[in-house]
Structures are given as structure tokens and as C-alpha cells.
Amino acid sequence: MPVYLGATPIAALELGTTDVTHVYLGATPVYAPAAGPGITVIDTATTVYNTATQSPTFTFTISPVQNDVIVLFAAAVNSLAALNAVAEWTPSITPTGTVTQTACAMAVLHHVVTAGEDAANTVTWTLTNLFQATRQGALAACVVRGVNTTTPVDAFGTGVIATVVTPHDLPAVVGADITSSNGLVLRAIARDGATAYTSVPAGHTQLASSGPTQAIWLGRRDATASAGVAIPTASITPSVADEAVAVTLVLTAA
């Protein structure tokens, strides 16, 4: 409620909270925080499928709300053919939704949470028959809030590490492909090995790490994307030299 000195409002406070929504000197607002947190990761999940499956599944600890966007990075031992379509899930990278090589592969898809899923407090998703054949592997998924639900993915880059080496590079994204600013930069890498990555690249925050059948790492770049500005590669170290596949994904801010 407003607080006055005479007839001049000097502050607007929400009683019972510490949130100061406006402060005035005369009629000029001098403090007005943003209406929301912007584009941000709300929760993450990991699953290891030691028993080969066509249908990866995962469970979050919180219930996403309508128009949150779930991004899934599902790694598999050996190569992946084109994915089977799963209702309401969209491949995030073109043309097939996968980055693949002989030793390992990764599928990348996203889903906009529906009103029905919100009302049901849904926390578990299963992508039935996503893989064309059964695969062992591991996945990492995250819930992102504040994404443009019409065009969730702005740009991406993919990378294949086809020889047994260390460290590995998280792929770059071409500046011309990035059409908007303030987007969230997610980076994921999966390796043909039984133990996880042992480092976090400078300027990044780890979101999830999983193994042992397939090691997968998911993180975000601390800096958001800028329209027309390239995102360079970043180095990450596996526990041992190995092959890998990697994706950098730029999500569009709402």
C-alpha cells in the first residue's frame, strides 16, 4: 500500500513482504525492480538407463507450470538414427534432432508444458518409442521459465569428437544465427564412457551430471546471448580421454 508524506507518495510497499515495488521522490520513481526473474532454469532431472530402452523417462522434483519449457538431452551408446515422433515434443536441432557418431549420440528435444500438465501437477515424462531401437544411456533434462513459447530455440551448434582425446570442446554458435538478445545458453555433452566430466568450463554453471553407462554433462553459460554475437567454444575435461558428442542451444527469451 502507498506510504505518504502529506500528499506525496514516497513508497509503495506490499505489507507482509519485503518487496519494495516503487519508491518516489516527488512523482519520479527511483526504484522499480523487474516484473519477473527473466529466463531461468527452475529444475533439473537425470536418468540412467542401464537396461536398454526406446522410451527414456525422467522425473523432476517440482511441478512445472503452464508455458514452462522442458529441454531434454538424451544420450545413447552407439549411433542414433532419426527419432520417432513423440506427441508435443519438438526436435531442438535440425534436421534429425540428434548429433551422432559411431560410439555415442544425443537426442535434443523440447516441450512446452500444457495447462493440463500444470493442473495435474505433472512431474514425470516418458517419451514413448523415441529411439528407433533400444539403447543404453543417460539423460539430463531441465525446466526453463521465461522462454518464448512460439519460437523456443533461437540457434544451436553441434560438435562431434570422433577420436579418443581430452579435453573436449563444447561447440560454438555462429553469430549470424542468433537473432535475439537475452537468450539462455544451454550446453550439453555426452561421452562414450562410464564416468562423468571432472571440470566446469570458466563462465559456466553446472546444472546436471550423470553416468555410469553413459556420461552426460549439462550446464548453462553465465552470460546470456546477444543478437548477432557468436558464442565461442568452451573446454571441458572428461575423467579420461574419450569420444563425445556435444550441443550448444540458445533459447529465446520471452
C-alpha atoms as a PDB file:
ATOM      1  CA  MET A   1       0.000   0.000   0.000  1.00  0.00           C
ATOM      2  CA  PRO A   2       1.226   3.609  -0.520  1.00  0.00           C
ATOM      3  CA  VAL A   3       3.006   5.481   2.268  1.00  0.00           C
ATOM      4  CA  TYR A   4       2.573   9.256   2.187  1.00  0.00           C
ATOM      5  CA  LEU A   5       4.218  12.395   3.488  1.00  0.00           C
ATOM      6  CA  GLY A   6       1.446  14.879   3.077  1.00  0.00           C
ATOM      7  CA  ALA A   7       0.010  14.169  -0.380  1.00  0.00           C
ATOM      8  CA  THR A   8       3.215  12.869  -1.931  1.00  0.00           C
ATOM      9  CA  PRO A   9       3.683   9.084  -2.178  1.00  0.00           C
ATOM     10  CA  ILE A  10       7.252   8.170  -1.207  1.00  0.00           C
ATOM     11  CA  ALA A  11       6.961   4.393  -1.251  1.00  0.00           C
ATOM     12  CA  ALA A  12       4.620   1.634  -2.236  1.00  0.00           C
ATOM     13  CA  LEU A  13       5.064  -1.411  -0.026  1.00  0.00           C
ATOM     14  CA  GLU A  14       3.431  -4.802  -0.093  1.00  0.00           C
ATOM     15  CA  LEU A  15       2.560  -5.299   3.587  1.00  0.00           C
ATOM     16  CA  GLY A  16       3.732  -8.620   4.950  1.00  0.00           C
ATOM     17  CA  THR A  17       6.589  -8.877   2.444  1.00  0.00           C
ATOM     18  CA  THR A  18       9.981  -7.270   1.949  1.00  0.00           C
ATOM     19  CA  ASP A  19       9.241  -6.471  -1.689  1.00  0.00           C
ATOM     20  CA  VAL A  20       9.513  -2.747  -2.353  1.00  0.00           C
ATOM     21  CA  THR A  21       7.717  -2.219  -5.632  1.00  0.00           C
ATOM     22  CA  HIS A  22       8.127   1.538  -6.078  1.00  0.00           C
ATOM     23  CA  VAL A  23       9.879   4.404  -4.361  1.00  0.00           C
ATOM     24  CA  TYR A  24       9.079   8.008  -5.316  1.00  0.00           C
ATOM     25  CA  LEU A  25      10.790  11.316  -4.763  1.00  0.00           C
ATOM     26  CA  GLY A  26       8.035  13.701  -5.733  1.00  0.00           C
ATOM     27  CA  ALA A  27       6.477  11.988  -8.746  1.00  0.00           C
ATOM     28  CA  THR A  28       9.668  10.336 -10.059  1.00  0.00           C
ATOM     29  CA  PRO A  29      10.172   6.596  -9.488  1.00  0.00           C
ATOM     30  CA  VAL A  30      13.752   5.878  -8.415  1.00  0.00           C
ATOM     31  CA  TYR A  31      13.468   2.141  -7.814  1.00  0.00           C
ATOM     32  CA  ALA A  32      11.361  -0.322  -9.779  1.00  0.00           C
ATOM     33  CA  PRO A  33      12.565  -3.922  -9.848  1.00  0.00           C
ATOM     34  CA  ALA A  34      11.897  -6.151 -12.842  1.00  0.00           C
ATOM     35  CA  ALA A  35       8.484  -7.774 -13.022  1.00  0.00           C
ATOM     36  CA  GLY A  36       9.969 -11.279 -13.001  1.00  0.00           C
ATOM     37  CA  PRO A  37      13.203 -13.270 -12.938  1.00  0.00           C
ATOM     38  CA  GLY A  38      13.649 -13.394 -16.729  1.00  0.00           C
ATOM     39  CA  ILE A  39      14.659 -16.625 -18.441  1.00  0.00           C
ATOM     40  CA  THR A  40      15.910 -19.048 -15.826  1.00  0.00           C
ATOM     41  CA  VAL A  41      16.342 -22.747 -15.067  1.00  0.00           C
ATOM     42  CA  ILE A  42      13.820 -23.894 -12.438  1.00  0.00           C
ATOM     43  CA  ASP A  43      14.704 -27.577 -12.002  1.00  0.00           C
ATOM     44  CA  THR A  44      16.773 -30.399 -13.494  1.00  0.00           C
ATOM     45  CA  ALA A  45      16.492 -34.181 -13.710  1.00  0.00           C
ATOM     46  CA  THR A  46      18.805 -37.034 -14.673  1.00  0.00           C
ATOM     47  CA  THR A  47      18.162 -40.678 -15.513  1.00  0.00           C
ATOM     48  CA  VAL A  48      20.492 -43.568 -16.304  1.00  0.00           C
ATOM     49  CA  TYR A  49      19.037 -46.370 -18.436  1.00  0.00           C
ATOM     50  CA  ASN A  50      21.362 -49.309 -17.866  1.00  0.00           C
ATOM     51  CA  THR A  51      18.692 -51.589 -19.315  1.00  0.00           C
ATOM     52  CA  ALA A  52      18.361 -50.708 -22.985  1.00  0.00           C
ATOM     53  CA  THR A  53      15.162 -48.813 -23.790  1.00  0.00           C
ATOM     54  CA  GLN A  54      13.404 -46.998 -26.603  1.00  0.00           C
ATOM     55  CA  SER A  55      11.490 -44.786 -24.176  1.00  0.00           C
ATOM     56  CA  PRO A  56      13.575 -42.510 -21.933  1.00  0.00           C
ATOM     57  CA  THR A  57      11.784 -41.232 -18.826  1.00  0.00           C
ATOM     58  CA  PHE A  58      12.612 -38.642 -16.161  1.00  0.00           C
ATOM     59  CA  THR A  59      11.107 -37.022 -13.064  1.00  0.00           C
ATOM     60  CA  PHE A  60      11.530 -33.507 -11.704  1.00  0.00           C
ATOM     61  CA  THR A  61      11.390 -32.574  -8.028  1.00  0.00           C
ATOM     62  CA  ILE A  62       8.983 -29.685  -8.667  1.00  0.00           C
ATOM     63  CA  SER A  63       5.886 -29.445 -10.843  1.00  0.00           C
ATOM     64  CA  PRO A  64       6.469 -27.217 -13.888  1.00  0.00           C
ATOM     65  CA  VAL A  65       3.751 -24.686 -14.702  1.00  0.00           C
ATOM     66  CA  GLN A  66       1.997 -23.906 -17.972  1.00  0.00           C
ATOM     67  CA  ASN A  67       4.332 -22.410 -20.616  1.00  0.00           C
ATOM     68  CA  ASP A  68       7.488 -23.560 -18.884  1.00  0.00           C
ATOM     69  CA  VAL A  69       9.726 -25.227 -21.459  1.00  0.00           C
ATOM     70  CA  ILE A  70      11.324 -28.615 -20.783  1.00  0.00           C
ATOM     71  CA  VAL A  71      14.549 -29.302 -22.670  1.00  0.00           C
ATOM     72  CA  LEU A  72      15.743 -32.905 -22.893  1.00  0.00           C
ATOM     73  CA  PHE A  73      19.258 -34.114 -23.753  1.00  0.00           C
ATOM     74  CA  ALA A  74      19.059 -37.915 -24.099  1.00  0.00           C
ATOM     75  CA  ALA A  75      22.380 -39.682 -24.665  1.00  0.00           C
ATOM     76  CA  ALA A  76      22.754 -43.168 -26.101  1.00  0.00           C
ATOM     77  CA  VAL A  77      25.517 -45.697 -26.565  1.00  0.00           C
ATOM     78  CA  ASN A  78      26.258 -46.168 -30.282  1.00  0.00           C
ATOM     79  CA  SER A  79      24.765 -44.104 -33.095  1.00  0.00           C
ATOM     80  CA  LEU A  80      21.139 -42.944 -33.336  1.00  0.00           C
ATOM     81  CA  ALA A  81      19.034 -42.962 -36.466  1.00  0.00           C
ATOM     82  CA  ALA A  82      16.318 -40.358 -36.965  1.00  0.00           C
ATOM     83  CA  LEU A  83      13.986 -40.186 -33.976  1.00  0.00           C
ATOM     84  CA  ASN A  84      10.424 -41.412 -33.862  1.00  0.00           C
ATOM     85  CA  ALA A  85       7.930 -38.587 -33.411  1.00  0.00           C
ATOM     86  CA  VAL A  86       6.595 -38.096 -29.878  1.00  0.00           C
ATOM     87  CA  ALA A  87       3.442 -36.018 -29.485  1.00  0.00           C
ATOM     88  CA  GLU A  88       4.024 -32.467 -28.200  1.00  0.00           C
ATOM     89  CA  TRP A  89       7.816 -32.879 -28.266  1.00  0.00           C
ATOM     90  CA  THR A  90       9.830 -30.994 -30.906  1.00  0.00           C
ATOM     91  CA  PRO A  91      13.389 -31.732 -32.061  1.00  0.00           C
ATOM     92  CA  SER A  92      15.541 -28.790 -30.957  1.00  0.00           C
ATOM     93  CA  ILE A  93      18.308 -29.272 -33.526  1.00  0.00           C
ATOM     94  CA  THR A  94      17.833 -29.860 -37.238  1.00  0.00           C
ATOM     95  CA  PRO A  95      17.431 -31.847 -39.337  1.00  0.00           C
ATOM     96  CA  THR A  96      17.017 -35.043 -37.274  1.00  0.00           C
ATOM     97  CA  GLY A  97      17.031 -33.923 -33.634  1.00  0.00           C
ATOM     98  CA  THR A  98      20.266 -35.820 -32.998  1.00  0.00           C
ATOM     99  CA  VAL A  99      24.012 -35.374 -33.061  1.00  0.00           C
ATOM    100  CA  THR A 100      25.564 -38.766 -33.614  1.00  0.00           C
ATOM    101  CA  GLN A 101      28.673 -40.775 -34.301  1.00  0.00           C
ATOM    102  CA  THR A 102      29.591 -44.462 -34.141  1.00  0.00           C
ATOM    103  CA  ALA A 103      30.365 -44.628 -30.416  1.00  0.00           C
ATOM    104  CA  CYS A 104      27.733 -42.326 -28.919  1.00  0.00           C
ATOM    105  CA  ALA A 105      24.882 -39.987 -29.752  1.00  0.00           C
ATOM    106  CA  MET A 106      22.489 -37.465 -28.215  1.00  0.00           C
ATOM    107  CA  ALA A 107      18.881 -36.539 -28.943  1.00  0.00           C
ATOM    108  CA  VAL A 108      17.770 -32.976 -28.118  1.00  0.00           C
ATOM    109  CA  LEU A 109      14.076 -32.104 -27.848  1.00  0.00           C
ATOM    110  CA  HIS A 110      11.846 -29.574 -26.107  1.00  0.00           C
ATOM    111  CA  HIS A 111       8.267 -29.444 -24.877  1.00  0.00           C
ATOM    112  CA  VAL A 112       6.018 -26.573 -23.763  1.00  0.00           C
ATOM    113  CA  VAL A 113       4.178 -27.507 -20.569  1.00  0.00           C
ATOM    114  CA  THR A 114       0.417 -27.577 -21.121  1.00  0.00           C
ATOM    115  CA  ALA A 115      -2.423 -26.323 -18.933  1.00  0.00           C
ATOM    116  CA  GLY A 116      -3.476 -29.933 -18.327  1.00  0.00           C
ATOM    117  CA  GLU A 117       0.005 -30.945 -17.175  1.00  0.00           C
ATOM    118  CA  ASP A 118       0.094 -27.904 -14.894  1.00  0.00           C
ATOM    119  CA  ALA A 119      -3.306 -28.696 -13.374  1.00  0.00           C
ATOM    120  CA  ALA A 120      -2.278 -32.323 -12.811  1.00  0.00           C
ATOM    121  CA  ASN A 121       0.997 -31.303 -11.128  1.00  0.00           C
ATOM    122  CA  THR A 122       2.875 -33.473 -13.619  1.00  0.00           C
ATOM    123  CA  VAL A 123       6.493 -34.196 -12.695  1.00  0.00           C
ATOM    124  CA  THR A 124       7.277 -37.283 -14.818  1.00  0.00           C
ATOM    125  CA  TRP A 125       7.521 -37.502 -18.598  1.00  0.00           C
ATOM    126  CA  THR A 126       8.131 -40.585 -20.768  1.00  0.00           C
ATOM    127  CA  LEU A 127       8.986 -40.223 -24.453  1.00  0.00           C
ATOM    128  CA  THR A 128       7.456 -43.459 -25.700  1.00  0.00           C
ATOM    129  CA  ASN A 129       9.440 -45.146 -28.503  1.00  0.00           C
ATOM    130  CA  LEU A 130      11.609 -42.059 -29.051  1.00  0.00           C
ATOM    131  CA  PHE A 131      14.551 -44.215 -30.164  1.00  0.00           C
ATOM    132  CA  GLN A 132      14.067 -46.437 -33.194  1.00  0.00           C
ATOM    133  CA  ALA A 133      15.908 -49.236 -31.402  1.00  0.00           C
ATOM    134  CA  THR A 134      16.670 -49.921 -27.748  1.00  0.00           C
ATOM    135  CA  ARG A 135      19.666 -48.064 -26.338  1.00  0.00           C
ATOM    136  CA  GLN A 136      21.562 -47.839 -23.079  1.00  0.00           C
ATOM    137  CA  GLY A 137      22.499 -44.361 -21.980  1.00  0.00           C
ATOM    138  CA  ALA A 138      21.692 -41.423 -19.726  1.00  0.00           C
ATOM    139  CA  LEU A 139      19.766 -38.196 -19.953  1.00  0.00           C
ATOM    140  CA  ALA A 140      19.655 -34.724 -18.467  1.00  0.00           C
ATOM    141  CA  ALA A 141      16.566 -32.538 -18.615  1.00  0.00           C
ATOM    142  CA  CYS A 142      15.771 -29.058 -17.337  1.00  0.00           C
ATOM    143  CA  VAL A 143      12.729 -26.856 -16.832  1.00  0.00           C
ATOM    144  CA  VAL A 144      13.210 -23.321 -18.119  1.00  0.00           C
ATOM    145  CA  ARG A 145      10.875 -20.437 -17.309  1.00  0.00           C
ATOM    146  CA  GLY A 146      10.609 -17.220 -19.308  1.00  0.00           C
ATOM    147  CA  VAL A 147      11.077 -18.781 -22.766  1.00  0.00           C
ATOM    148  CA  ASN A 148       9.322 -17.542 -25.912  1.00  0.00           C
ATOM    149  CA  THR A 149       6.921 -20.438 -26.409  1.00  0.00           C
ATOM    150  CA  THR A 150       6.311 -19.617 -30.079  1.00  0.00           C
ATOM    151  CA  THR A 151       9.995 -19.924 -31.010  1.00  0.00           C
ATOM    152  CA  PRO A 152      11.737 -21.555 -28.041  1.00  0.00           C
ATOM    153  CA  VAL A 153      15.029 -22.268 -29.852  1.00  0.00           C
ATOM    154  CA  ASP A 154      16.853 -19.306 -31.384  1.00  0.00           C
ATOM    155  CA  ALA A 155      20.064 -21.028 -32.523  1.00  0.00           C
ATOM    156  CA  PHE A 156      22.307 -24.009 -31.887  1.00  0.00           C
ATOM    157  CA  GLY A 157      25.692 -25.522 -32.586  1.00  0.00           C
ATOM    158  CA  THR A 158      26.699 -29.180 -32.599  1.00  0.00           C
ATOM    159  CA  GLY A 159      30.042 -30.922 -32.234  1.00  0.00           C
ATOM    160  CA  VAL A 160      31.410 -34.428 -32.728  1.00  0.00           C
ATOM    161  CA  ILE A 161      34.637 -35.524 -31.020  1.00  0.00           C
ATOM    162  CA  ALA A 162      35.386 -38.550 -33.183  1.00  0.00           C
ATOM    163  CA  THR A 163      38.750 -39.544 -31.681  1.00  0.00           C
ATOM    164  CA  VAL A 164      39.857 -40.509 -28.174  1.00  0.00           C
ATOM    165  CA  VAL A 165      41.083 -37.154 -26.829  1.00  0.00           C
ATOM    166  CA  THR A 166      40.952 -34.810 -23.839  1.00  0.00           C
ATOM    167  CA  PRO A 167      39.835 -32.086 -23.230  1.00  0.00           C
ATOM    168  CA  HIS A 168      36.602 -31.762 -25.211  1.00  0.00           C
ATOM    169  CA  ASP A 169      35.087 -28.661 -26.808  1.00  0.00           C
ATOM    170  CA  LEU A 170      31.526 -27.501 -26.263  1.00  0.00           C
ATOM    171  CA  PRO A 171      30.532 -26.211 -29.714  1.00  0.00           C
ATOM    172  CA  ALA A 172      30.360 -22.614 -30.875  1.00  0.00           C
ATOM    173  CA  VAL A 173      27.255 -20.906 -32.253  1.00  0.00           C
ATOM    174  CA  VAL A 174      27.561 -18.656 -35.313  1.00  0.00           C
ATOM    175  CA  GLY A 175      26.675 -15.041 -34.549  1.00  0.00           C
ATOM    176  CA  ALA A 176      24.508 -14.653 -37.638  1.00  0.00           C
ATOM    177  CA  ASP A 177      22.266 -17.451 -36.362  1.00  0.00           C
ATOM    178  CA  ILE A 178      21.465 -15.661 -33.079  1.00  0.00           C
ATOM    179  CA  THR A 179      18.553 -13.343 -33.804  1.00  0.00           C
ATOM    180  CA  SER A 180      17.618 -12.057 -30.336  1.00  0.00           C
ATOM    181  CA  SER A 181      19.303 -10.987 -27.123  1.00  0.00           C
ATOM    182  CA  ASN A 182      18.994 -12.168 -23.503  1.00  0.00           C
ATOM    183  CA  GLY A 183      18.579 -15.808 -24.503  1.00  0.00           C
ATOM    184  CA  LEU A 184      19.681 -18.640 -22.219  1.00  0.00           C
ATOM    185  CA  VAL A 185      22.691 -20.638 -23.442  1.00  0.00           C
ATOM    186  CA  LEU A 186      22.496 -24.334 -22.518  1.00  0.00           C
ATOM    187  CA  ARG A 187      25.408 -26.685 -23.199  1.00  0.00           C
ATOM    188  CA  ALA A 188      25.391 -30.474 -23.044  1.00  0.00           C
ATOM    189  CA  ILE A 189      27.982 -33.138 -23.832  1.00  0.00           C
ATOM    190  CA  ALA A 190      27.798 -36.934 -23.750  1.00  0.00           C
ATOM    191  CA  ARG A 191      30.772 -39.227 -23.969  1.00  0.00           C
ATOM    192  CA  ASP A 192      31.331 -42.859 -24.766  1.00  0.00           C
ATOM    193  CA  GLY A 193      32.477 -43.727 -21.276  1.00  0.00           C
ATOM    194  CA  ALA A 194      31.500 -44.788 -17.795  1.00  0.00           C
ATOM    195  CA  THR A 195      32.485 -41.777 -15.688  1.00  0.00           C
ATOM    196  CA  ALA A 196      31.451 -38.162 -15.742  1.00  0.00           C
ATOM    197  CA  TYR A 197      33.194 -34.907 -16.574  1.00  0.00           C
ATOM    198  CA  THR A 198      35.529 -33.535 -13.932  1.00  0.00           C
ATOM    199  CA  SER A 199      35.558 -29.808 -14.724  1.00  0.00           C
ATOM    200  CA  VAL A 200      33.165 -26.925 -15.233  1.00  0.00           C
ATOM    201  CA  PRO A 201      34.179 -24.536 -18.018  1.00  0.00           C
ATOM    202  CA  ALA A 202      35.025 -20.998 -16.964  1.00  0.00           C
ATOM    203  CA  GLY A 203      31.989 -18.718 -17.137  1.00  0.00           C
ATOM    204  CA  HIS A 204      29.554 -21.630 -16.841  1.00  0.00           C
ATOM    205  CA  THR A 205      27.393 -23.238 -14.144  1.00  0.00           C
ATOM    206  CA  GLN A 206      26.841 -26.985 -13.964  1.00  0.00           C
ATOM    207  CA  LEU A 207      23.173 -27.997 -13.948  1.00  0.00           C
ATOM    208  CA  ALA A 208      23.421 -31.797 -14.043  1.00  0.00           C
ATOM    209  CA  SER A 209      25.923 -34.625 -14.453  1.00  0.00           C
ATOM    210  CA  SER A 210      25.149 -38.315 -14.856  1.00  0.00           C
ATOM    211  CA  GLY A 211      26.592 -41.775 -15.547  1.00  0.00           C
ATOM    212  CA  PRO A 212      27.836 -44.500 -15.399  1.00  0.00           C
ATOM    213  CA  THR A 213      26.597 -46.305 -18.527  1.00  0.00           C
ATOM    214  CA  GLN A 214      26.802 -43.055 -20.454  1.00  0.00           C
ATOM    215  CA  ALA A 215      28.370 -39.899 -19.054  1.00  0.00           C
ATOM    216  CA  ILE A 216      26.354 -36.743 -19.740  1.00  0.00           C
ATOM    217  CA  TRP A 217      27.001 -33.191 -18.534  1.00  0.00           C
ATOM    218  CA  LEU A 218      24.573 -30.256 -18.725  1.00  0.00           C
ATOM    219  CA  GLY A 219      25.378 -26.655 -17.916  1.00  0.00           C
ATOM    220  CA  ARG A 220      24.487 -23.088 -18.764  1.00  0.00           C
ATOM    221  CA  ARG A 221      26.668 -20.194 -19.762  1.00  0.00           C
ATOM    222  CA  ASP A 222      26.541 -17.462 -17.142  1.00  0.00           C
ATOM    223  CA  ALA A 223      26.297 -14.735 -19.795  1.00  0.00           C
ATOM    224  CA  THR A 224      23.153 -14.588 -21.904  1.00  0.00           C
ATOM    225  CA  ALA A 225      23.226 -14.491 -25.693  1.00  0.00           C
ATOM    226  CA  SER A 226      23.394 -11.271 -27.726  1.00  0.00           C
ATOM    227  CA  ALA A 227      21.869 -10.918 -31.171  1.00  0.00           C
ATOM    228  CA  GLY A 228      24.464 -11.305 -33.900  1.00  0.00           C
ATOM    229  CA  VAL A 229      27.316 -12.110 -31.486  1.00  0.00           C
ATOM    230  CA  ALA A 230      28.973 -15.512 -31.823  1.00  0.00           C
ATOM    231  CA  ILE A 231      29.262 -17.851 -28.847  1.00  0.00           C
ATOM    232  CA  PRO A 232      32.774 -19.354 -28.800  1.00  0.00           C
ATOM    233  CA  THR A 233      33.712 -22.908 -27.916  1.00  0.00           C
ATOM    234  CA  ALA A 234      34.375 -23.792 -24.285  1.00  0.00           C
ATOM    235  CA  SER A 235      36.697 -26.502 -22.995  1.00  0.00           C
ATOM    236  CA  ILE A 236      35.555 -29.259 -20.638  1.00  0.00           C
ATOM    237  CA  THR A 237      37.645 -32.145 -19.264  1.00  0.00           C
ATOM    238  CA  PRO A 238      36.453 -35.765 -19.089  1.00  0.00           C
ATOM    239  CA  SER A 239      37.880 -38.062 -16.443  1.00  0.00           C
ATOM    240  CA  VAL A 240      39.720 -39.938 -19.208  1.00  0.00           C
ATOM    241  CA  ALA A 241      40.293 -39.314 -22.903  1.00  0.00           C
ATOM    242  CA  ASP A 242      37.286 -40.398 -24.926  1.00  0.00           C
ATOM    243  CA  GLU A 243      34.953 -39.730 -27.852  1.00  0.00           C
ATOM    244  CA  ALA A 244      31.898 -37.489 -27.407  1.00  0.00           C
ATOM    245  CA  VAL A 245      29.040 -35.524 -28.953  1.00  0.00           C
ATOM    246  CA  ALA A 246      28.009 -32.055 -27.803  1.00  0.00           C
ATOM    247  CA  VAL A 247      25.352 -29.362 -28.302  1.00  0.00           C
ATOM    248  CA  THR A 248      25.106 -25.654 -27.521  1.00  0.00           C
ATOM    249  CA  LEU A 249      21.478 -24.475 -27.513  1.00  0.00           C
ATOM    250  CA  VAL A 250      20.292 -20.854 -27.358  1.00  0.00           C
ATOM    251  CA  LEU A 251      16.760 -20.453 -26.005  1.00  0.00           C
ATOM    252  CA  THR A 252      14.750 -17.361 -26.926  1.00  0.00           C
ATOM    253  CA  ALA A 253      13.702 -15.135 -24.034  1.00  0.00           C
ATOM    254  CA  ALA A 254      10.002 -14.243 -23.811  1.00  0.00           C
END
